[in-house]
Amino acid sequence: MIDRKEWIVKRKQIPMRAEKNAAIAQRILPFLHQAQCVALYYPVRQEADIFSYCTKGRDYALPRVLDDQNMKFYPADNLVSGAFGIPEPQSDQEIVPDVIVVPMLCFCDGYRVGYGKGYYDRYLSSHPQCLRVGIAYDEQEGFFTPQVWDERLDVIVTPTRVLRYTR
């Protein structure tokens, strides 16, 4: 069983974050070049942060939590404080991105653990055509058994590796 609080503490202690974020951004760029629209996340709680590297000259979207089960992606403009205090777009023009960059607390064999609400797993399940790219620091790799509802990512990018998986 994953202890999310333990992984949050562990992630906070990861050193050299700025350098690692830059390395992740360099490794992820080839996956973003072909995409018409990329879905990013607004980094909070010491999540891997490629936001400033990957938003220049590119259309991108951010998630907005709609209710306790659903989120969708919208153009990343006119941000306001949304669910959980995270900036969210106000637009009503839903976007289905080509590439979704997914945050995580820890990862194992193409699967991720998030904060436990299941928003990303439900979205990925209903949008299988999207390329799923998780980003994390190498120190976030762990071991766990995925749950039946967990969605496998296509790629996980860390500062030192690009890991590819089949669904």
C-alpha atoms as a PDB file:
ATOM      1  CA  MET A   1       0.000   0.000   0.000  1.00  0.00           C
ATOM      2  CA  ILE A   2       1.331   3.423  -0.989  1.00  0.00           C
ATOM      3  CA  ASP A   3       1.726   5.998   1.753  1.00  0.00           C
ATOM      4  CA  ARG A   4       1.053   9.228  -0.147  1.00  0.00           C
ATOM      5  CA  LYS A   5       2.118  11.451   2.746  1.00  0.00           C
ATOM      6  CA  GLU A   6       5.478   9.673   2.860  1.00  0.00           C
ATOM      7  CA  TRP A   7       5.993  10.205  -0.889  1.00  0.00           C
ATOM      8  CA  ILE A   8       5.062  13.899  -0.576  1.00  0.00           C
ATOM      9  CA  VAL A   9       7.715  14.316   2.133  1.00  0.00           C
ATOM     10  CA  LYS A  10      10.249  12.364   0.075  1.00  0.00           C
ATOM     11  CA  ARG A  11       9.591  14.536  -2.993  1.00  0.00           C
ATOM     12  CA  LYS A  12      10.092  17.727  -0.957  1.00  0.00           C
ATOM     13  CA  GLN A  13      13.602  16.543  -0.050  1.00  0.00           C
ATOM     14  CA  ILE A  14      14.808  16.019  -3.614  1.00  0.00           C
ATOM     15  CA  PRO A  15      17.873  18.223  -4.235  1.00  0.00           C
ATOM     16  CA  MET A  16      18.899  20.232  -7.314  1.00  0.00           C
ATOM     17  CA  ARG A  17      15.325  20.695  -8.534  1.00  0.00           C
ATOM     18  CA  ALA A  18      16.021  23.509 -11.009  1.00  0.00           C
ATOM     19  CA  GLU A  19      18.683  21.484 -12.819  1.00  0.00           C
ATOM     20  CA  LYS A  20      16.492  18.379 -12.817  1.00  0.00           C
ATOM     21  CA  ASN A  21      13.486  20.311 -14.147  1.00  0.00           C
ATOM     22  CA  ALA A  22      15.614  21.635 -17.019  1.00  0.00           C
ATOM     23  CA  ALA A  23      16.812  18.098 -17.815  1.00  0.00           C
ATOM     24  CA  ILE A  24      13.240  16.770 -17.822  1.00  0.00           C
ATOM     25  CA  ALA A  25      12.170  19.615 -20.110  1.00  0.00           C
ATOM     26  CA  GLN A  26      14.946  18.808 -22.602  1.00  0.00           C
ATOM     27  CA  ARG A  27      14.002  15.123 -22.640  1.00  0.00           C
ATOM     28  CA  ILE A  28      10.274  15.760 -23.069  1.00  0.00           C
ATOM     29  CA  LEU A  29      10.467  18.290 -25.911  1.00  0.00           C
ATOM     30  CA  PRO A  30      10.615  15.670 -28.721  1.00  0.00           C
ATOM     31  CA  PHE A  31       7.246  14.320 -27.546  1.00  0.00           C
ATOM     32  CA  LEU A  32       5.700  17.792 -27.678  1.00  0.00           C
ATOM     33  CA  HIS A  33       6.966  19.016 -31.064  1.00  0.00           C
ATOM     34  CA  GLN A  34       4.400  17.143 -33.163  1.00  0.00           C
ATOM     35  CA  ALA A  35       1.436  17.951 -30.925  1.00  0.00           C
ATOM     36  CA  GLN A  36      -1.083  20.606 -31.872  1.00  0.00           C
ATOM     37  CA  CYS A  37      -2.079  20.968 -28.240  1.00  0.00           C
ATOM     38  CA  VAL A  38      -0.315  19.830 -25.104  1.00  0.00           C
ATOM     39  CA  ALA A  39      -2.044  19.449 -21.756  1.00  0.00           C
ATOM     40  CA  LEU A  40       0.211  20.443 -18.898  1.00  0.00           C
ATOM     41  CA  TYR A  41      -0.462  20.761 -15.196  1.00  0.00           C
ATOM     42  CA  TYR A  42       0.187  23.715 -12.937  1.00  0.00           C
ATOM     43  CA  PRO A  43       2.950  22.444 -10.621  1.00  0.00           C
ATOM     44  CA  VAL A  44       2.244  22.499  -6.894  1.00  0.00           C
ATOM     45  CA  ARG A  45       3.694  20.794  -3.824  1.00  0.00           C
ATOM     46  CA  GLN A  46       7.177  20.368  -5.325  1.00  0.00           C
ATOM     47  CA  GLU A  47       5.967  18.474  -8.419  1.00  0.00           C
ATOM     48  CA  ALA A  48       8.382  18.265 -11.329  1.00  0.00           C
ATOM     49  CA  ASP A  49       8.085  21.643 -13.041  1.00  0.00           C
ATOM     50  CA  ILE A  50       8.543  22.018 -16.793  1.00  0.00           C
ATOM     51  CA  PHE A  51       5.826  24.641 -17.116  1.00  0.00           C
ATOM     52  CA  SER A  52       8.012  27.611 -18.045  1.00  0.00           C
ATOM     53  CA  TYR A  53      10.084  25.526 -20.480  1.00  0.00           C
ATOM     54  CA  CYS A  54       7.176  24.057 -22.425  1.00  0.00           C
ATOM     55  CA  THR A  55       4.670  26.883 -22.769  1.00  0.00           C
ATOM     56  CA  LYS A  56       6.600  29.259 -25.005  1.00  0.00           C
ATOM     57  CA  GLY A  57       5.315  29.364 -28.586  1.00  0.00           C
ATOM     58  CA  ARG A  58       2.901  26.496 -28.094  1.00  0.00           C
ATOM     59  CA  ASP A  59      -0.818  26.101 -27.543  1.00  0.00           C
ATOM     60  CA  TYR A  60      -1.372  24.348 -24.279  1.00  0.00           C
ATOM     61  CA  ALA A  61      -4.198  23.500 -21.969  1.00  0.00           C
ATOM     62  CA  LEU A  62      -4.596  23.059 -18.250  1.00  0.00           C
ATOM     63  CA  PRO A  63      -7.040  20.883 -16.341  1.00  0.00           C
ATOM     64  CA  ARG A  64     -10.108  22.200 -14.568  1.00  0.00           C
ATOM     65  CA  VAL A  65     -11.846  20.059 -11.981  1.00  0.00           C
ATOM     66  CA  LEU A  66     -15.571  20.043 -12.777  1.00  0.00           C
ATOM     67  CA  ASP A  67     -16.855  17.993  -9.851  1.00  0.00           C
ATOM     68  CA  ASP A  68     -15.617  15.248  -7.540  1.00  0.00           C
ATOM     69  CA  GLN A  69     -15.300  12.797 -10.464  1.00  0.00           C
ATOM     70  CA  ASN A  70     -14.349  14.744 -13.572  1.00  0.00           C
ATOM     71  CA  MET A  71     -11.815  17.123 -15.008  1.00  0.00           C
ATOM     72  CA  LYS A  72     -11.400  18.445 -18.530  1.00  0.00           C
ATOM     73  CA  PHE A  73      -8.784  20.541 -20.276  1.00  0.00           C
ATOM     74  CA  TYR A  74      -9.211  24.137 -21.405  1.00  0.00           C
ATOM     75  CA  PRO A  75      -6.993  26.803 -22.988  1.00  0.00           C
ATOM     76  CA  ALA A  76      -4.544  28.038 -20.378  1.00  0.00           C
ATOM     77  CA  ASP A  77      -5.634  31.652 -20.145  1.00  0.00           C
ATOM     78  CA  ASN A  78      -7.519  33.695 -17.565  1.00  0.00           C
ATOM     79  CA  LEU A  79      -6.441  31.472 -14.690  1.00  0.00           C
ATOM     80  CA  VAL A  80      -8.290  31.634 -11.386  1.00  0.00           C
ATOM     81  CA  SER A  81      -7.868  29.717  -8.162  1.00  0.00           C
ATOM     82  CA  GLY A  82      -9.800  26.498  -8.596  1.00  0.00           C
ATOM     83  CA  ALA A  83     -10.190  23.147  -6.943  1.00  0.00           C
ATOM     84  CA  PHE A  84      -7.612  22.529  -4.231  1.00  0.00           C
ATOM     85  CA  GLY A  85      -6.357  26.133  -4.683  1.00  0.00           C
ATOM     86  CA  ILE A  86      -4.619  25.264  -7.971  1.00  0.00           C
ATOM     87  CA  PRO A  87      -4.883  27.830 -10.809  1.00  0.00           C
ATOM     88  CA  GLU A  88      -7.382  26.687 -13.439  1.00  0.00           C
ATOM     89  CA  PRO A  89      -8.540  28.169 -16.759  1.00  0.00           C
ATOM     90  CA  GLN A  90     -11.910  29.920 -16.929  1.00  0.00           C
ATOM     91  CA  SER A  91     -12.578  29.176 -20.601  1.00  0.00           C
ATOM     92  CA  ASP A  92     -15.605  27.096 -21.625  1.00  0.00           C
ATOM     93  CA  GLN A  93     -13.887  25.871 -24.811  1.00  0.00           C
ATOM     94  CA  GLU A  94     -12.956  22.282 -23.945  1.00  0.00           C
ATOM     95  CA  ILE A  95      -9.820  20.923 -25.612  1.00  0.00           C
ATOM     96  CA  VAL A  96      -8.885  17.293 -26.085  1.00  0.00           C
ATOM     97  CA  PRO A  97      -5.075  17.443 -26.224  1.00  0.00           C
ATOM     98  CA  ASP A  98      -2.763  15.308 -28.334  1.00  0.00           C
ATOM     99  CA  VAL A  99      -0.311  14.907 -25.460  1.00  0.00           C
ATOM    100  CA  ILE A 100      -1.096  14.916 -21.739  1.00  0.00           C
ATOM    101  CA  VAL A 101       1.764  15.608 -19.332  1.00  0.00           C
ATOM    102  CA  VAL A 102       0.842  13.885 -16.096  1.00  0.00           C
ATOM    103  CA  PRO A 103       2.129  14.651 -12.573  1.00  0.00           C
ATOM    104  CA  MET A 104       2.834  11.948 -10.006  1.00  0.00           C
ATOM    105  CA  LEU A 105       3.959  11.211  -6.480  1.00  0.00           C
ATOM    106  CA  CYS A 106       5.715   8.000  -7.495  1.00  0.00           C
ATOM    107  CA  PHE A 107       5.896   5.610 -10.421  1.00  0.00           C
ATOM    108  CA  CYS A 108       6.506   1.955 -11.181  1.00  0.00           C
ATOM    109  CA  ASP A 109       6.531   0.120 -14.520  1.00  0.00           C
ATOM    110  CA  GLY A 110       4.542   2.775 -16.373  1.00  0.00           C
ATOM    111  CA  TYR A 111       1.991   3.317 -13.624  1.00  0.00           C
ATOM    112  CA  ARG A 112       1.734   6.336 -11.365  1.00  0.00           C
ATOM    113  CA  VAL A 113       0.379   7.245  -8.005  1.00  0.00           C
ATOM    114  CA  GLY A 114      -1.208  10.663  -7.696  1.00  0.00           C
ATOM    115  CA  TYR A 115      -3.062  12.289  -4.843  1.00  0.00           C
ATOM    116  CA  GLY A 116      -5.753   9.613  -4.802  1.00  0.00           C
ATOM    117  CA  LYS A 117      -8.808  11.291  -6.325  1.00  0.00           C
ATOM    118  CA  GLY A 118      -8.540   9.438  -9.667  1.00  0.00           C
ATOM    119  CA  TYR A 119      -9.055  12.443 -11.966  1.00  0.00           C
ATOM    120  CA  TYR A 120      -6.212  11.564 -14.326  1.00  0.00           C
ATOM    121  CA  ASP A 121      -7.013   7.840 -14.445  1.00  0.00           C
ATOM    122  CA  ARG A 122     -10.648   8.552 -15.361  1.00  0.00           C
ATOM    123  CA  TYR A 123      -9.622  11.109 -17.996  1.00  0.00           C
ATOM    124  CA  LEU A 124      -6.986   8.838 -19.542  1.00  0.00           C
ATOM    125  CA  SER A 125      -9.431   5.933 -19.606  1.00  0.00           C
ATOM    126  CA  SER A 126     -11.938   7.966 -21.616  1.00  0.00           C
ATOM    127  CA  HIS A 127      -9.281   9.471 -23.960  1.00  0.00           C
ATOM    128  CA  PRO A 128      -7.086   6.540 -25.053  1.00  0.00           C
ATOM    129  CA  GLN A 129      -5.949   8.371 -28.215  1.00  0.00           C
ATOM    130  CA  CYS A 130      -3.875  10.872 -26.211  1.00  0.00           C
ATOM    131  CA  LEU A 131      -0.156  10.295 -25.722  1.00  0.00           C
ATOM    132  CA  ARG A 132       0.376   9.963 -21.961  1.00  0.00           C
ATOM    133  CA  VAL A 133       3.667  11.351 -20.699  1.00  0.00           C
ATOM    134  CA  GLY A 134       4.429  11.309 -16.989  1.00  0.00           C
ATOM    135  CA  ILE A 135       7.220  13.404 -15.550  1.00  0.00           C
ATOM    136  CA  ALA A 136       9.026  12.811 -12.294  1.00  0.00           C
ATOM    137  CA  TYR A 137      12.372  12.875 -10.596  1.00  0.00           C
ATOM    138  CA  ASP A 138      14.350   9.623 -10.548  1.00  0.00           C
ATOM    139  CA  GLU A 139      13.958   9.533  -6.770  1.00  0.00           C
ATOM    140  CA  GLN A 140      10.194   9.093  -7.220  1.00  0.00           C
ATOM    141  CA  GLU A 141      10.521   5.589  -8.611  1.00  0.00           C
ATOM    142  CA  GLY A 142       9.176   3.016  -6.208  1.00  0.00           C
ATOM    143  CA  PHE A 143       7.458  -0.322  -6.152  1.00  0.00           C
ATOM    144  CA  PHE A 144       3.730  -0.880  -5.905  1.00  0.00           C
ATOM    145  CA  THR A 145       1.050  -3.061  -7.419  1.00  0.00           C
ATOM    146  CA  PRO A 146      -1.245  -1.063  -9.708  1.00  0.00           C
ATOM    147  CA  GLN A 147      -4.945  -1.072  -8.951  1.00  0.00           C
ATOM    148  CA  VAL A 148      -7.425  -2.262 -11.605  1.00  0.00           C
ATOM    149  CA  TRP A 149      -8.453   1.351 -12.334  1.00  0.00           C
ATOM    150  CA  ASP A 150      -4.889   2.626 -12.783  1.00  0.00           C
ATOM    151  CA  GLU A 151      -4.089   3.701 -16.339  1.00  0.00           C
ATOM    152  CA  ARG A 152      -0.650   2.959 -17.735  1.00  0.00           C
ATOM    153  CA  LEU A 153       1.360   5.803 -19.216  1.00  0.00           C
ATOM    154  CA  ASP A 154       3.081   5.616 -22.596  1.00  0.00           C
ATOM    155  CA  VAL A 155       6.242   7.374 -21.442  1.00  0.00           C
ATOM    156  CA  ILE A 156       7.793   8.511 -18.174  1.00  0.00           C
ATOM    157  CA  VAL A 157      10.470  11.182 -18.424  1.00  0.00           C
ATOM    158  CA  THR A 158      12.954  11.779 -15.607  1.00  0.00           C
ATOM    159  CA  PRO A 159      16.088  13.931 -15.561  1.00  0.00           C
ATOM    160  CA  THR A 160      18.189  10.923 -16.628  1.00  0.00           C
ATOM    161  CA  ARG A 161      15.840   8.584 -18.515  1.00  0.00           C
ATOM    162  CA  VAL A 162      13.022   8.244 -21.019  1.00  0.00           C
ATOM    163  CA  LEU A 163      11.054   5.100 -20.137  1.00  0.00           C
ATOM    164  CA  ARG A 164       8.602   3.735 -22.748  1.00  0.00           C
ATOM    165  CA  TYR A 165       5.720   1.386 -22.060  1.00  0.00           C
ATOM    166  CA  THR A 166       3.004  -0.401 -23.985  1.00  0.00           C
ATOM    167  CA  ARG A 167      -0.595  -0.293 -22.863  1.00  0.00           C
END
